[in-house]
PDB file of N, CA and C in Angstrom:
ATOM      1  N   UNK A   1       0.852  -1.197   0.000  1.00  0.00           N
ATOM      2  CA  UNK A   1       0.000   0.000   0.000  1.00  0.00           C
ATOM      3  C   UNK A   1       0.886   1.246   0.000  1.00  0.00           C
ATOM      4  N   UNK A   2       0.594   2.143  -0.928  1.00  0.00           N
ATOM      5  CA  UNK A   2       1.408   3.350  -1.042  1.00  0.00           C
ATOM      6  C   UNK A   2       0.834   4.428  -0.140  1.00  0.00           C
ATOM      7  N   UNK A   3       1.674   4.945   0.770  1.00  0.00           N
ATOM      8  CA  UNK A   3       1.216   5.963   1.711  1.00  0.00           C
ATOM      9  C   UNK A   3       1.545   7.358   1.173  1.00  0.00           C
ATOM     10  N   UNK A   4       0.577   8.260   1.284  1.00  0.00           N
ATOM     11  CA  UNK A   4       0.788   9.646   0.873  1.00  0.00           C
ATOM     12  C   UNK A   4       1.177  10.482   2.081  1.00  0.00           C
ATOM     13  N   UNK A   5       2.151  11.363   1.900  1.00  0.00           N
ATOM     14  CA  UNK A   5       2.494  12.267   3.002  1.00  0.00           C
ATOM     15  C   UNK A   5       1.514  13.440   3.025  1.00  0.00           C
ATOM     16  N   UNK A   6       1.564  14.215   4.091  1.00  0.00           N
ATOM     17  CA  UNK A   6       0.566  15.273   4.288  1.00  0.00           C
ATOM     18  C   UNK A   6       0.658  16.345   3.208  1.00  0.00           C
ATOM     19  N   UNK A   7       1.860  16.626   2.718  1.00  0.00           N
ATOM     20  CA  UNK A   7       2.002  17.641   1.669  1.00  0.00           C
ATOM     21  C   UNK A   7       1.270  17.224   0.397  1.00  0.00           C
ATOM     22  N   UNK A   8       1.423  15.954   0.032  1.00  0.00           N
ATOM     23  CA  UNK A   8       0.757  15.464  -1.172  1.00  0.00           C
ATOM     24  C   UNK A   8      -0.751  15.492  -1.002  1.00  0.00           C
ATOM     25  N   UNK A   9      -1.223  15.080   0.176  1.00  0.00           N
ATOM     26  CA  UNK A   9      -2.666  15.048   0.433  1.00  0.00           C
ATOM     27  C   UNK A   9      -3.251  16.450   0.372  1.00  0.00           C
ATOM     28  N   UNK A  10      -2.590  17.414   1.010  1.00  0.00           N
ATOM     29  CA  UNK A  10      -3.099  18.784   1.000  1.00  0.00           C
ATOM     30  C   UNK A  10      -3.050  19.359  -0.416  1.00  0.00           C
ATOM     31  N   UNK A  11      -2.032  18.988  -1.186  1.00  0.00           N
ATOM     32  CA  UNK A  11      -1.931  19.460  -2.567  1.00  0.00           C
ATOM     33  C   UNK A  11      -3.072  18.904  -3.412  1.00  0.00           C
ATOM     34  N   UNK A  12      -3.361  17.613  -3.226  1.00  0.00           N
ATOM     35  CA  UNK A  12      -4.452  16.982  -3.976  1.00  0.00           C
ATOM     36  C   UNK A  12      -5.788  17.617  -3.608  1.00  0.00           C
ATOM     37  N   UNK A  13      -6.011  17.839  -2.313  1.00  0.00           N
ATOM     38  CA  UNK A  13      -7.275  18.449  -1.887  1.00  0.00           C
ATOM     39  C   UNK A  13      -7.381  19.880  -2.408  1.00  0.00           C
ATOM     40  N   UNK A  14      -6.248  20.578  -2.469  1.00  0.00           N
ATOM     41  CA  UNK A  14      -6.240  21.935  -3.021  1.00  0.00           C
ATOM     42  C   UNK A  14      -6.634  21.915  -4.495  1.00  0.00           C
ATOM     43  N   UNK A  15      -6.063  20.992  -5.242  1.00  0.00           N
ATOM     44  CA  UNK A  15      -6.393  20.883  -6.661  1.00  0.00           C
ATOM     45  C   UNK A  15      -7.862  20.534  -6.850  1.00  0.00           C
ATOM     46  N   UNK A  16      -8.372  19.638  -5.992  1.00  0.00           N
ATOM     47  CA  UNK A  16      -9.776  19.247  -6.089  1.00  0.00           C
ATOM     48  C   UNK A  16     -10.686  20.437  -5.830  1.00  0.00           C
ATOM     49  N   UNK A  17     -10.381  21.200  -4.771  1.00  0.00           N
ATOM     50  CA  UNK A  17     -11.178  22.391  -4.462  1.00  0.00           C
ATOM     51  C   UNK A  17     -11.119  23.394  -5.610  1.00  0.00           C
ATOM     52  N   UNK A  18      -9.929  23.564  -6.172  1.00  0.00           N
ATOM     53  CA  UNK A  18      -9.763  24.513  -7.269  1.00  0.00           C
ATOM     54  C   UNK A  18     -10.584  24.089  -8.480  1.00  0.00           C
ATOM     55  N   UNK A  19     -10.552  22.789  -8.791  1.00  0.00           N
ATOM     56  CA  UNK A  19     -11.300  22.280  -9.938  1.00  0.00           C
ATOM     57  C   UNK A  19     -12.798  22.466  -9.732  1.00  0.00           C
ATOM     58  N   UNK A  20     -13.280  22.166  -8.517  1.00  0.00           N
ATOM     59  CA  UNK A  20     -14.705  22.328  -8.214  1.00  0.00           C
ATOM     60  C   UNK A  20     -15.106  23.792  -8.332  1.00  0.00           C
ATOM     61  N   UNK A  21     -14.257  24.677  -7.807  1.00  0.00           N
ATOM     62  CA  UNK A  21     -14.542  26.112  -7.882  1.00  0.00           C
ATOM     63  C   UNK A  21     -14.633  26.575  -9.334  1.00  0.00           C
ATOM     64  N   UNK A  22     -13.647  26.181 -10.139  1.00  0.00           N
ATOM     65  CA  UNK A  22     -13.645  26.575 -11.546  1.00  0.00           C
ATOM     66  C   UNK A  22     -14.862  26.016 -12.271  1.00  0.00           C
ATOM     67  N   UNK A  23     -15.208  24.766 -11.946  1.00  0.00           N
ATOM     68  CA  UNK A  23     -16.356  24.139 -12.597  1.00  0.00           C
ATOM     69  C   UNK A  23     -17.644  24.888 -12.270  1.00  0.00           C
ATOM     70  N   UNK A  24     -17.790  25.310 -11.007  1.00  0.00           N
ATOM     71  CA  UNK A  24     -18.979  26.065 -10.604  1.00  0.00           C
ATOM     72  C   UNK A  24     -19.037  27.412 -11.317  1.00  0.00           C
ATOM     73  N   UNK A  25     -17.889  28.087 -11.401  1.00  0.00           N
ATOM     74  CA  UNK A  25     -17.854  29.384 -12.081  1.00  0.00           C
ATOM     75  C   UNK A  25     -18.222  29.240 -13.558  1.00  0.00           C
ATOM     76  N   UNK A  26     -17.675  28.217 -14.202  1.00  0.00           N
ATOM     77  CA  UNK A  26     -17.970  27.986 -15.620  1.00  0.00           C
ATOM     78  C   UNK A  26     -19.441  27.636 -15.800  1.00  0.00           C
ATOM     79  N   UNK A  27     -19.982  26.837 -14.878  1.00  0.00           N
ATOM     80  CA  UNK A  27     -21.392  26.455 -14.965  1.00  0.00           C
ATOM     81  C   UNK A  27     -22.289  27.678 -14.845  1.00  0.00           C
ATOM     82  N   UNK A  28     -21.961  28.582 -13.918  1.00  0.00           N
ATOM     83  CA  UNK A  28     -22.741  29.812 -13.773  1.00  0.00           C
ATOM     84  C   UNK A  28     -22.688  30.625 -15.060  1.00  0.00           C
ATOM     85  N   UNK A  29     -21.512  30.731 -15.639  1.00  0.00           N
ATOM     86  CA  UNK A  29     -21.357  31.500 -16.869  1.00  0.00           C
ATOM     87  C   UNK A  29     -22.190  30.892 -17.990  1.00  0.00           C
ATOM     88  N   UNK A  30     -22.161  29.566 -18.088  1.00  0.00           N
ATOM     89  CA  UNK A  30     -22.930  28.884 -19.131  1.00  0.00           C
ATOM     90  C   UNK A  30     -24.423  29.108 -18.916  1.00  0.00           C
ATOM     91  N   UNK A  31     -24.869  28.995 -17.660  1.00  0.00           N
ATOM     92  CA  UNK A  31     -26.290  29.190 -17.370  1.00  0.00           C
ATOM     93  C   UNK A  31     -26.711  30.621 -17.668  1.00  0.00           C
ATOM     94  N   UNK A  32     -25.837  31.574 -17.386  1.00  0.00           N
ATOM     95  CA  UNK A  32     -26.158  32.975 -17.660  1.00  0.00           C
ATOM     96  C   UNK A  32     -26.260  33.235 -19.163  1.00  0.00           C
ATOM     97  N   UNK A  33     -25.382  32.596 -19.918  1.00  0.00           N
ATOM     98  CA  UNK A  33     -25.368  32.823 -21.362  1.00  0.00           C
ATOM     99  C   UNK A  33     -26.438  32.010 -22.082  1.00  0.00           C
ATOM    100  N   UNK A  34     -26.943  30.958 -21.433  1.00  0.00           N
ATOM    101  CA  UNK A  34     -27.932  30.054 -22.015  1.00  0.00           C
ATOM    102  C   UNK A  34     -27.374  29.303 -23.228  1.00  0.00           C
ATOM    103  N   UNK A  35     -26.072  29.368 -23.416  1.00  0.00           N
ATOM    104  CA  UNK A  35     -25.443  28.614 -24.496  1.00  0.00           C
ATOM    105  C   UNK A  35     -24.194  27.935 -23.953  1.00  0.00           C
ATOM    106  N   UNK A  36     -23.901  26.756 -24.474  1.00  0.00           N
ATOM    107  CA  UNK A  36     -22.707  26.036 -24.043  1.00  0.00           C
ATOM    108  C   UNK A  36     -21.675  26.093 -25.169  1.00  0.00           C
ATOM    109  N   UNK A  37     -20.511  26.691 -24.897  1.00  0.00           N
ATOM    110  CA  UNK A  37     -19.475  26.754 -25.932  1.00  0.00           C
ATOM    111  C   UNK A  37     -18.940  25.360 -26.253  1.00  0.00           C
ATOM    112  N   UNK A  38     -18.788  25.075 -27.525  1.00  0.00           N
ATOM    113  CA  UNK A  38     -18.329  23.755 -27.946  1.00  0.00           C
ATOM    114  C   UNK A  38     -16.924  23.418 -27.454  1.00  0.00           C
ATOM    115  N   UNK A  39     -15.977  24.370 -27.441  1.00  0.00           N
ATOM    116  CA  UNK A  39     -14.645  24.025 -26.926  1.00  0.00           C
ATOM    117  C   UNK A  39     -14.687  23.548 -25.484  1.00  0.00           C
ATOM    118  N   UNK A  40     -15.562  24.157 -24.673  1.00  0.00           N
ATOM    119  CA  UNK A  40     -15.666  23.734 -23.278  1.00  0.00           C
ATOM    120  C   UNK A  40     -16.177  22.303 -23.194  1.00  0.00           C
ATOM    121  N   UNK A  41     -17.195  21.979 -24.002  1.00  0.00           N
ATOM    122  CA  UNK A  41     -17.730  20.617 -24.015  1.00  0.00           C
ATOM    123  C   UNK A  41     -16.643  19.623 -24.407  1.00  0.00           C
ATOM    124  N   UNK A  42     -15.850  19.982 -25.407  1.00  0.00           N
ATOM    125  CA  UNK A  42     -14.787  19.094 -25.874  1.00  0.00           C
ATOM    126  C   UNK A  42     -13.744  18.871 -24.791  1.00  0.00           C
ATOM    127  N   UNK A  43     -13.324  19.954 -24.129  1.00  0.00           N
ATOM    128  CA  UNK A  43     -12.317  19.853 -23.076  1.00  0.00           C
ATOM    129  C   UNK A  43     -12.844  19.026 -21.919  1.00  0.00           C
ATOM    130  N   UNK A  44     -14.096  19.278 -21.524  1.00  0.00           N
ATOM    131  CA  UNK A  44     -14.683  18.558 -20.397  1.00  0.00           C
ATOM    132  C   UNK A  44     -14.804  17.069 -20.699  1.00  0.00           C
ATOM    133  N   UNK A  45     -15.281  16.727 -21.900  1.00  0.00           N
ATOM    134  CA  UNK A  45     -15.466  15.323 -22.240  1.00  0.00           C
ATOM    135  C   UNK A  45     -14.121  14.606 -22.329  1.00  0.00           C
ATOM    136  N   UNK A  46     -13.117  15.252 -22.891  1.00  0.00           N
ATOM    137  CA  UNK A  46     -11.803  14.620 -22.982  1.00  0.00           C
ATOM    138  C   UNK A  46     -11.193  14.445 -21.597  1.00  0.00           C
ATOM    139  N   UNK A  47     -11.467  15.403 -20.689  1.00  0.00           N
ATOM    140  CA  UNK A  47     -10.962  15.288 -19.320  1.00  0.00           C
ATOM    141  C   UNK A  47     -11.611  14.109 -18.608  1.00  0.00           C
ATOM    142  N   UNK A  48     -12.934  13.968 -18.758  1.00  0.00           N
ATOM    143  CA  UNK A  48     -13.649  12.865 -18.110  1.00  0.00           C
ATOM    144  C   UNK A  48     -13.167  11.533 -18.671  1.00  0.00           C
ATOM    145  N   UNK A  49     -12.975  11.468 -19.984  1.00  0.00           N
ATOM    146  CA  UNK A  49     -12.525  10.223 -20.599  1.00  0.00           C
ATOM    147  C   UNK A  49     -11.124   9.856 -20.122  1.00  0.00           C
ATOM    148  N   UNK A  50     -10.253  10.834 -19.964  1.00  0.00           N
ATOM    149  CA  UNK A  50      -8.897  10.546 -19.502  1.00  0.00           C
ATOM    150  C   UNK A  50      -8.916  10.096 -18.047  1.00  0.00           C
ATOM    151  N   UNK A  51      -9.872  10.600 -17.251  1.00  0.00           N
ATOM    152  CA  UNK A  51      -9.996  10.166 -15.865  1.00  0.00           C
ATOM    153  C   UNK A  51     -10.422   8.708 -15.796  1.00  0.00           C
ATOM    154  N   UNK A  52     -11.372   8.310 -16.667  1.00  0.00           N
ATOM    155  CA  UNK A  52     -11.845   6.930 -16.654  1.00  0.00           C
ATOM    156  C   UNK A  52     -10.735   5.983 -17.090  1.00  0.00           C
ATOM    157  N   UNK A  53      -9.967   6.395 -18.108  1.00  0.00           N
ATOM    158  CA  UNK A  53      -8.899   5.541 -18.618  1.00  0.00           C
ATOM    159  C   UNK A  53      -7.783   5.520 -17.642  1.00  0.00           C
TER     160      UNK A  53
END
């Protein structure tokens, strides 16, 4: 079992919080515009696919 030190854990949680924050901001912008930009959809889908793989 690979153990993570506290610096790595805090860094990962920081990145997670940052990603969630950015995602919420982008979602608000999309809802305000009532349109979803295609580049964002492409980036998001490729990110999700890379996470699954």
